[in-house]
Amino acid sequence: MNRLAHHQGIHKFFTMLGLALYFSKPVMKHLVHIVDAMITKGFSGTLTDLHHGS
């Protein structure tokens, strides 16, 4: 899987929490992108923020 450097840290954190046991790989990928978009831009609660961040 081709991940950005800051995505690896988020993914490691999710696997440390044990989320990989409950979610499939595509779902984990989506979660990483959502969290990355929220952290990068500053999340104001709209889906537009997530769209611009990913």
C-alpha atoms as a PDB file:
ATOM      1  CA  MET A   1       0.000   0.000   0.000  1.00  0.00           C
ATOM      2  CA  ASN A   2       1.358   3.416  -0.940  1.00  0.00           C
ATOM      3  CA  ARG A   3       1.005   5.613   2.174  1.00  0.00           C
ATOM      4  CA  LEU A   4       2.230   9.079   2.904  1.00  0.00           C
ATOM      5  CA  ALA A   5       4.607   9.465   5.828  1.00  0.00           C
ATOM      6  CA  HIS A   6       2.043  11.124   8.099  1.00  0.00           C
ATOM      7  CA  HIS A   7      -0.511   8.417   7.225  1.00  0.00           C
ATOM      8  CA  GLN A   8       1.790   5.757   8.655  1.00  0.00           C
ATOM      9  CA  GLY A   9       1.654   7.300  12.110  1.00  0.00           C
ATOM     10  CA  ILE A  10      -2.131   7.480  12.052  1.00  0.00           C
ATOM     11  CA  HIS A  11      -2.362   3.900  10.800  1.00  0.00           C
ATOM     12  CA  LYS A  12       0.017   2.673  13.533  1.00  0.00           C
ATOM     13  CA  PHE A  13      -2.124   4.399  16.153  1.00  0.00           C
ATOM     14  CA  PHE A  14      -5.295   2.736  14.818  1.00  0.00           C
ATOM     15  CA  THR A  15      -3.650  -0.690  14.819  1.00  0.00           C
ATOM     16  CA  MET A  16      -2.368  -0.075  18.353  1.00  0.00           C
ATOM     17  CA  LEU A  17      -5.984   0.566  19.393  1.00  0.00           C
ATOM     18  CA  GLY A  18      -6.958  -2.737  17.791  1.00  0.00           C
ATOM     19  CA  LEU A  19      -9.271  -1.250  15.170  1.00  0.00           C
ATOM     20  CA  ALA A  20      -7.813  -3.543  12.507  1.00  0.00           C
ATOM     21  CA  LEU A  21      -9.621  -6.422  14.210  1.00  0.00           C
ATOM     22  CA  TYR A  22     -12.994  -4.768  13.663  1.00  0.00           C
ATOM     23  CA  PHE A  23     -12.619  -2.965  10.339  1.00  0.00           C
ATOM     24  CA  SER A  24     -11.472  -4.126   6.904  1.00  0.00           C
ATOM     25  CA  LYS A  25      -8.444  -2.638   5.134  1.00  0.00           C
ATOM     26  CA  PRO A  26     -10.510  -0.313   2.901  1.00  0.00           C
ATOM     27  CA  VAL A  27     -12.390   1.021   5.936  1.00  0.00           C
ATOM     28  CA  MET A  28      -9.117   1.607   7.781  1.00  0.00           C
ATOM     29  CA  LYS A  29      -7.807   3.482   4.737  1.00  0.00           C
ATOM     30  CA  HIS A  30     -10.880   5.723   4.746  1.00  0.00           C
ATOM     31  CA  LEU A  31     -10.513   6.379   8.479  1.00  0.00           C
ATOM     32  CA  VAL A  32      -6.879   7.366   8.019  1.00  0.00           C
ATOM     33  CA  HIS A  33      -7.819   9.796   5.234  1.00  0.00           C
ATOM     34  CA  ILE A  34     -10.648  11.300   7.290  1.00  0.00           C
ATOM     35  CA  VAL A  35      -8.455  11.814  10.343  1.00  0.00           C
ATOM     36  CA  ASP A  36      -5.674  13.246   8.170  1.00  0.00           C
ATOM     37  CA  ALA A  37      -8.090  15.726   6.578  1.00  0.00           C
ATOM     38  CA  MET A  38      -9.400  16.790   9.977  1.00  0.00           C
ATOM     39  CA  ILE A  39      -5.904  17.335  11.359  1.00  0.00           C
ATOM     40  CA  THR A  40      -4.433  19.047   8.309  1.00  0.00           C
ATOM     41  CA  LYS A  41      -6.978  21.763   7.597  1.00  0.00           C
ATOM     42  CA  GLY A  42      -8.696  22.258  10.908  1.00  0.00           C
ATOM     43  CA  PHE A  43     -12.073  20.612  11.075  1.00  0.00           C
ATOM     44  CA  SER A  44     -15.144  22.836  11.295  1.00  0.00           C
ATOM     45  CA  GLY A  45     -17.679  20.001  11.071  1.00  0.00           C
ATOM     46  CA  THR A  46     -18.576  20.011   7.381  1.00  0.00           C
ATOM     47  CA  LEU A  47     -18.047  17.360   4.751  1.00  0.00           C
ATOM     48  CA  THR A  48     -16.548  20.015   2.479  1.00  0.00           C
ATOM     49  CA  ASP A  49     -13.543  20.143   4.803  1.00  0.00           C
ATOM     50  CA  LEU A  50     -13.024  16.407   4.396  1.00  0.00           C
ATOM     51  CA  HIS A  51     -13.391  16.631   0.619  1.00  0.00           C
ATOM     52  CA  HIS A  52     -10.776  19.391   0.320  1.00  0.00           C
ATOM     53  CA  GLY A  53      -8.397  17.552   2.619  1.00  0.00           C
ATOM     54  CA  SER A  54      -8.379  14.255   0.753  1.00  0.00           C
END
